[in-house]
Amino acid sequence: MSHDALIPARLLPWPGPEGKPCYLLTDGSGRLSRAADAAESIQLDMAGDLLAHLADMLDDEHVTAVQLRYLLARMSEALTDVCRIAESRGARLLVYTDVKADAGPDNVPSPDDGPS
């Protein structure tokens, strides 16, 4: 089995055309991978900011239904982003775990794995 076959397609943190999932085949060190890492970081920070804003709004007895609806719409978007990030990272983690489980003592795949 070649090294390239062990690299999973990365689900990117933004949708592709028509809202469909967008994937990247990479070893994780390229420019697009770094852009995806940066986008994930921004998305996670924004989700955290929305949660803090929600806590403030829930303590405010003068908040309106329109304000809450707007915040919930933004939180829905943020939760969609966070779920996509979790799915992407989980898929990559599973592949990494499977490779490590099949590896020998020096993290080299076992020769008993058969021909590639």
N, C-alpha and C. Protein backbone atom coordinates (compact mmCIF):
# COMPACT_ATOMS: atom_id res chain seq x y z
N MET A 1 0.86 -1.17 0.00
CA MET A 1 0.00 0.00 0.00
C MET A 1 0.90 1.23 0.00
N SER A 2 0.63 2.16 -0.86
CA SER A 2 1.46 3.36 -0.92
C SER A 2 1.03 4.34 0.16
N HIS A 3 1.92 5.25 0.50
CA HIS A 3 1.63 6.27 1.51
C HIS A 3 0.43 7.11 1.09
N ASP A 4 0.31 7.42 -0.19
CA ASP A 4 -0.78 8.26 -0.66
C ASP A 4 -2.14 7.62 -0.41
N ALA A 5 -2.21 6.30 -0.39
CA ALA A 5 -3.49 5.63 -0.18
C ALA A 5 -3.98 5.79 1.26
N LEU A 6 -3.07 6.15 2.18
CA LEU A 6 -3.43 6.31 3.58
C LEU A 6 -3.98 7.69 3.90
N ILE A 7 -3.84 8.62 2.98
CA ILE A 7 -4.27 9.99 3.22
C ILE A 7 -5.75 10.13 2.86
N PRO A 8 -6.59 10.46 3.85
CA PRO A 8 -8.02 10.61 3.55
C PRO A 8 -8.30 11.94 2.86
N ALA A 9 -9.41 11.98 2.17
CA ALA A 9 -9.86 13.25 1.61
C ALA A 9 -10.33 14.11 2.78
N ARG A 10 -9.90 15.35 2.81
CA ARG A 10 -10.27 16.26 3.89
C ARG A 10 -11.54 17.01 3.52
N LEU A 11 -12.54 16.92 4.39
CA LEU A 11 -13.75 17.71 4.22
C LEU A 11 -13.40 19.14 4.60
N LEU A 12 -13.54 20.05 3.66
CA LEU A 12 -13.17 21.44 3.90
C LEU A 12 -14.25 22.16 4.71
N PRO A 13 -13.87 23.21 5.43
CA PRO A 13 -14.83 23.90 6.30
C PRO A 13 -15.77 24.86 5.59
N TRP A 14 -15.86 24.75 4.29
CA TRP A 14 -16.80 25.57 3.53
C TRP A 14 -17.45 24.66 2.48
N PRO A 15 -18.67 24.98 2.11
CA PRO A 15 -19.34 24.15 1.10
C PRO A 15 -18.82 24.45 -0.30
N GLY A 16 -18.98 23.48 -1.17
CA GLY A 16 -18.62 23.67 -2.57
C GLY A 16 -19.79 24.28 -3.33
N PRO A 17 -19.71 24.24 -4.64
CA PRO A 17 -20.82 24.77 -5.45
C PRO A 17 -22.15 24.10 -5.08
N GLU A 18 -23.19 24.87 -5.10
CA GLU A 18 -24.54 24.39 -4.80
C GLU A 18 -24.67 23.86 -3.38
N GLY A 19 -23.77 24.28 -2.47
CA GLY A 19 -23.86 23.87 -1.08
C GLY A 19 -23.41 22.45 -0.79
N LYS A 20 -22.82 21.79 -1.78
CA LYS A 20 -22.38 20.41 -1.60
C LYS A 20 -21.04 20.38 -0.85
N PRO A 21 -20.73 19.25 -0.19
CA PRO A 21 -19.45 19.14 0.50
C PRO A 21 -18.28 19.32 -0.46
N CYS A 22 -17.22 19.92 0.05
CA CYS A 22 -16.02 20.18 -0.74
C CYS A 22 -14.86 19.44 -0.08
N TYR A 23 -14.11 18.65 -0.85
CA TYR A 23 -13.04 17.83 -0.31
C TYR A 23 -11.69 18.22 -0.92
N LEU A 24 -10.64 17.93 -0.16
CA LEU A 24 -9.28 18.21 -0.59
C LEU A 24 -8.44 16.96 -0.39
N LEU A 25 -7.70 16.56 -1.42
CA LEU A 25 -6.75 15.46 -1.31
C LEU A 25 -5.37 16.07 -1.10
N THR A 26 -4.83 15.87 0.10
CA THR A 26 -3.56 16.51 0.44
C THR A 26 -2.92 15.78 1.61
N ASP A 27 -1.65 16.06 1.81
CA ASP A 27 -0.95 15.53 2.98
C ASP A 27 -1.10 16.47 4.17
N GLY A 28 -1.78 17.59 3.98
CA GLY A 28 -2.04 18.51 5.08
C GLY A 28 -1.03 19.63 5.23
N SER A 29 -0.09 19.74 4.31
CA SER A 29 0.95 20.75 4.46
C SER A 29 0.90 21.85 3.40
N GLY A 30 -0.06 21.81 2.52
CA GLY A 30 -0.12 22.78 1.43
C GLY A 30 -0.84 24.07 1.80
N ARG A 31 -0.83 24.98 0.85
CA ARG A 31 -1.44 26.29 1.04
C ARG A 31 -2.94 26.18 1.31
N LEU A 32 -3.64 25.32 0.58
CA LEU A 32 -5.08 25.18 0.77
C LEU A 32 -5.39 24.54 2.13
N SER A 33 -4.56 23.62 2.57
CA SER A 33 -4.74 23.02 3.90
C SER A 33 -4.58 24.09 4.99
N ARG A 34 -3.59 24.95 4.83
CA ARG A 34 -3.40 26.03 5.81
C ARG A 34 -4.56 27.01 5.78
N ALA A 35 -5.11 27.28 4.60
CA ALA A 35 -6.28 28.15 4.49
C ALA A 35 -7.49 27.50 5.19
N ALA A 36 -7.64 26.19 5.02
CA ALA A 36 -8.73 25.48 5.68
C ALA A 36 -8.55 25.50 7.20
N ASP A 37 -7.32 25.33 7.66
CA ASP A 37 -7.05 25.40 9.10
C ASP A 37 -7.41 26.78 9.65
N ALA A 38 -7.04 27.82 8.92
CA ALA A 38 -7.35 29.19 9.34
C ALA A 38 -8.87 29.43 9.35
N ALA A 39 -9.56 28.93 8.33
CA ALA A 39 -11.01 29.10 8.27
C ALA A 39 -11.68 28.37 9.43
N GLU A 40 -11.22 27.16 9.75
CA GLU A 40 -11.77 26.42 10.88
C GLU A 40 -11.57 27.20 12.18
N SER A 41 -10.40 27.76 12.35
CA SER A 41 -10.11 28.52 13.56
C SER A 41 -11.05 29.72 13.70
N ILE A 42 -11.26 30.43 12.60
CA ILE A 42 -12.16 31.59 12.61
C ILE A 42 -13.59 31.14 12.92
N GLN A 43 -14.03 30.05 12.29
CA GLN A 43 -15.38 29.55 12.50
C GLN A 43 -15.60 29.14 13.96
N LEU A 44 -14.62 28.48 14.55
CA LEU A 44 -14.74 28.06 15.95
C LEU A 44 -14.75 29.27 16.88
N ASP A 45 -13.92 30.27 16.59
CA ASP A 45 -13.91 31.50 17.39
C ASP A 45 -15.26 32.22 17.30
N MET A 46 -15.81 32.29 16.10
CA MET A 46 -17.10 32.95 15.92
C MET A 46 -18.20 32.21 16.68
N ALA A 47 -18.18 30.89 16.69
CA ALA A 47 -19.17 30.12 17.42
C ALA A 47 -19.05 30.41 18.92
N GLY A 48 -17.83 30.50 19.41
CA GLY A 48 -17.62 30.84 20.82
C GLY A 48 -18.13 32.23 21.15
N ASP A 49 -17.89 33.18 20.25
CA ASP A 49 -18.38 34.55 20.45
C ASP A 49 -19.91 34.58 20.49
N LEU A 50 -20.55 33.80 19.62
CA LEU A 50 -22.01 33.75 19.61
C LEU A 50 -22.55 33.17 20.92
N LEU A 51 -21.89 32.15 21.44
CA LEU A 51 -22.32 31.58 22.72
C LEU A 51 -22.21 32.61 23.84
N ALA A 52 -21.14 33.38 23.86
CA ALA A 52 -20.98 34.42 24.87
C ALA A 52 -22.07 35.48 24.72
N HIS A 53 -22.37 35.83 23.47
CA HIS A 53 -23.42 36.83 23.22
C HIS A 53 -24.78 36.30 23.66
N LEU A 54 -25.03 35.02 23.43
CA LEU A 54 -26.28 34.42 23.87
C LEU A 54 -26.42 34.49 25.38
N ALA A 55 -25.35 34.19 26.09
CA ALA A 55 -25.40 34.25 27.56
C ALA A 55 -25.77 35.65 28.02
N ASP A 56 -25.19 36.66 27.38
CA ASP A 56 -25.53 38.05 27.72
C ASP A 56 -26.99 38.35 27.43
N MET A 57 -27.46 37.89 26.28
CA MET A 57 -28.85 38.18 25.90
C MET A 57 -29.85 37.48 26.82
N LEU A 58 -29.52 36.29 27.26
CA LEU A 58 -30.44 35.56 28.14
C LEU A 58 -30.56 36.23 29.51
N ASP A 59 -29.53 36.96 29.90
CA ASP A 59 -29.57 37.69 31.17
C ASP A 59 -30.31 39.03 31.04
N ASP A 60 -30.55 39.46 29.81
CA ASP A 60 -31.20 40.75 29.56
C ASP A 60 -32.70 40.54 29.41
N GLU A 61 -33.47 41.07 30.35
CA GLU A 61 -34.93 40.87 30.29
C GLU A 61 -35.60 41.77 29.25
N HIS A 62 -34.84 42.65 28.61
CA HIS A 62 -35.42 43.55 27.60
C HIS A 62 -35.13 43.09 26.16
N VAL A 63 -34.51 41.91 26.02
CA VAL A 63 -34.20 41.40 24.69
C VAL A 63 -35.51 41.10 23.95
N THR A 64 -35.52 41.37 22.67
CA THR A 64 -36.74 41.17 21.87
C THR A 64 -36.71 39.83 21.15
N ALA A 65 -37.87 39.41 20.70
CA ALA A 65 -37.97 38.16 19.93
C ALA A 65 -37.19 38.28 18.63
N VAL A 66 -37.21 39.44 18.02
CA VAL A 66 -36.47 39.65 16.76
C VAL A 66 -34.96 39.48 17.01
N GLN A 67 -34.47 40.02 18.10
CA GLN A 67 -33.04 39.88 18.42
C GLN A 67 -32.68 38.41 18.65
N LEU A 68 -33.53 37.71 19.39
CA LEU A 68 -33.26 36.29 19.64
C LEU A 68 -33.31 35.47 18.36
N ARG A 69 -34.30 35.75 17.50
CA ARG A 69 -34.39 35.03 16.21
C ARG A 69 -33.14 35.26 15.37
N TYR A 70 -32.67 36.49 15.33
CA TYR A 70 -31.46 36.80 14.56
C TYR A 70 -30.26 36.02 15.11
N LEU A 71 -30.11 36.05 16.44
CA LEU A 71 -29.00 35.33 17.05
C LEU A 71 -29.11 33.83 16.79
N LEU A 72 -30.30 33.28 16.89
CA LEU A 72 -30.48 31.85 16.63
C LEU A 72 -30.15 31.48 15.19
N ALA A 73 -30.46 32.36 14.26
CA ALA A 73 -30.11 32.10 12.86
C ALA A 73 -28.59 32.05 12.70
N ARG A 74 -27.88 32.98 13.34
CA ARG A 74 -26.42 32.98 13.26
C ARG A 74 -25.84 31.76 13.97
N MET A 75 -26.47 31.36 15.09
CA MET A 75 -25.99 30.18 15.81
C MET A 75 -26.23 28.92 15.01
N SER A 76 -27.30 28.87 14.25
CA SER A 76 -27.55 27.72 13.38
C SER A 76 -26.44 27.60 12.33
N GLU A 77 -26.05 28.74 11.77
CA GLU A 77 -24.95 28.74 10.79
C GLU A 77 -23.65 28.28 11.45
N ALA A 78 -23.39 28.79 12.66
CA ALA A 78 -22.16 28.43 13.37
C ALA A 78 -22.15 26.95 13.73
N LEU A 79 -23.30 26.42 14.15
CA LEU A 79 -23.37 25.01 14.51
C LEU A 79 -23.16 24.12 13.28
N THR A 80 -23.66 24.55 12.14
CA THR A 80 -23.41 23.82 10.89
C THR A 80 -21.92 23.77 10.60
N ASP A 81 -21.24 24.90 10.78
CA ASP A 81 -19.79 24.96 10.56
C ASP A 81 -19.05 24.05 11.55
N VAL A 82 -19.43 24.11 12.81
CA VAL A 82 -18.77 23.30 13.84
C VAL A 82 -18.98 21.81 13.57
N CYS A 83 -20.17 21.43 13.15
CA CYS A 83 -20.43 20.02 12.82
C CYS A 83 -19.58 19.57 11.64
N ARG A 84 -19.42 20.43 10.64
CA ARG A 84 -18.58 20.10 9.48
C ARG A 84 -17.13 19.92 9.92
N ILE A 85 -16.65 20.80 10.79
CA ILE A 85 -15.28 20.70 11.30
C ILE A 85 -15.11 19.39 12.08
N ALA A 86 -16.06 19.07 12.94
CA ALA A 86 -15.98 17.84 13.73
C ALA A 86 -15.97 16.61 12.82
N GLU A 87 -16.82 16.61 11.81
CA GLU A 87 -16.86 15.48 10.86
C GLU A 87 -15.52 15.33 10.15
N SER A 88 -14.96 16.44 9.70
CA SER A 88 -13.69 16.42 8.99
C SER A 88 -12.56 15.91 9.88
N ARG A 89 -12.48 16.46 11.07
CA ARG A 89 -11.40 16.06 11.99
C ARG A 89 -11.59 14.62 12.45
N GLY A 90 -12.82 14.22 12.69
CA GLY A 90 -13.08 12.85 13.10
C GLY A 90 -12.69 11.84 12.04
N ALA A 91 -12.99 12.14 10.79
CA ALA A 91 -12.64 11.24 9.69
C ALA A 91 -11.12 11.10 9.57
N ARG A 92 -10.42 12.22 9.71
CA ARG A 92 -8.96 12.16 9.63
C ARG A 92 -8.37 11.43 10.83
N LEU A 93 -8.96 11.59 11.99
CA LEU A 93 -8.49 10.92 13.19
C LEU A 93 -8.69 9.41 13.08
N LEU A 94 -9.83 8.97 12.52
CA LEU A 94 -10.08 7.55 12.35
C LEU A 94 -9.04 6.91 11.44
N VAL A 95 -8.70 7.57 10.36
CA VAL A 95 -7.70 7.02 9.45
C VAL A 95 -6.35 6.94 10.15
N TYR A 96 -6.00 7.97 10.89
CA TYR A 96 -4.73 7.99 11.62
C TYR A 96 -4.70 6.86 12.64
N THR A 97 -5.80 6.66 13.36
CA THR A 97 -5.88 5.61 14.36
C THR A 97 -5.76 4.24 13.71
N ASP A 98 -6.43 4.04 12.57
CA ASP A 98 -6.35 2.77 11.86
C ASP A 98 -4.93 2.48 11.39
N VAL A 99 -4.25 3.49 10.89
CA VAL A 99 -2.87 3.31 10.42
C VAL A 99 -1.97 2.96 11.58
N LYS A 100 -2.13 3.66 12.72
CA LYS A 100 -1.30 3.39 13.89
C LYS A 100 -1.57 1.97 14.41
N ALA A 101 -2.81 1.49 14.35
CA ALA A 101 -3.15 0.16 14.83
C ALA A 101 -2.51 -0.92 13.97
N ASP A 102 -2.36 -0.66 12.68
CA ASP A 102 -1.76 -1.62 11.76
C ASP A 102 -0.25 -1.52 11.71
N ALA A 103 0.32 -0.51 12.37
CA ALA A 103 1.76 -0.29 12.30
C ALA A 103 2.49 -1.18 13.30
N GLY A 104 3.73 -1.44 12.98
CA GLY A 104 4.59 -2.20 13.87
C GLY A 104 5.16 -1.31 14.96
N PRO A 105 6.18 -1.80 15.67
CA PRO A 105 6.72 -1.05 16.80
C PRO A 105 7.32 0.31 16.41
N ASP A 106 7.80 0.45 15.19
CA ASP A 106 8.39 1.73 14.75
C ASP A 106 7.41 2.53 13.91
N ASN A 107 6.10 2.27 14.07
CA ASN A 107 5.04 2.94 13.30
C ASN A 107 5.16 2.70 11.80
N VAL A 108 5.69 1.53 11.45
CA VAL A 108 5.80 1.14 10.05
C VAL A 108 4.75 0.06 9.81
N PRO A 109 3.96 0.19 8.73
CA PRO A 109 2.94 -0.84 8.48
C PRO A 109 3.54 -2.24 8.47
N SER A 110 2.79 -3.16 9.01
CA SER A 110 3.24 -4.53 9.10
C SER A 110 3.37 -5.17 7.71
N PRO A 111 4.44 -5.97 7.48
CA PRO A 111 4.58 -6.65 6.18
C PRO A 111 3.50 -7.69 5.97
N ASP A 112 2.80 -8.07 7.04
CA ASP A 112 1.73 -9.07 6.92
C ASP A 112 0.47 -8.48 6.34
N ASP A 113 0.46 -7.18 6.07
CA ASP A 113 -0.73 -6.52 5.53
C ASP A 113 -1.00 -6.92 4.09
N GLY A 114 -0.08 -7.64 3.48
CA GLY A 114 -0.28 -8.11 2.11
C GLY A 114 0.22 -7.10 1.10
N PRO A 115 0.14 -7.46 -0.20
CA PRO A 115 0.64 -6.57 -1.24
C PRO A 115 -0.25 -5.35 -1.37
N SER A 116 0.36 -4.28 -1.87
CA SER A 116 -0.40 -3.04 -2.05
C SER A 116 -0.99 -2.95 -3.42
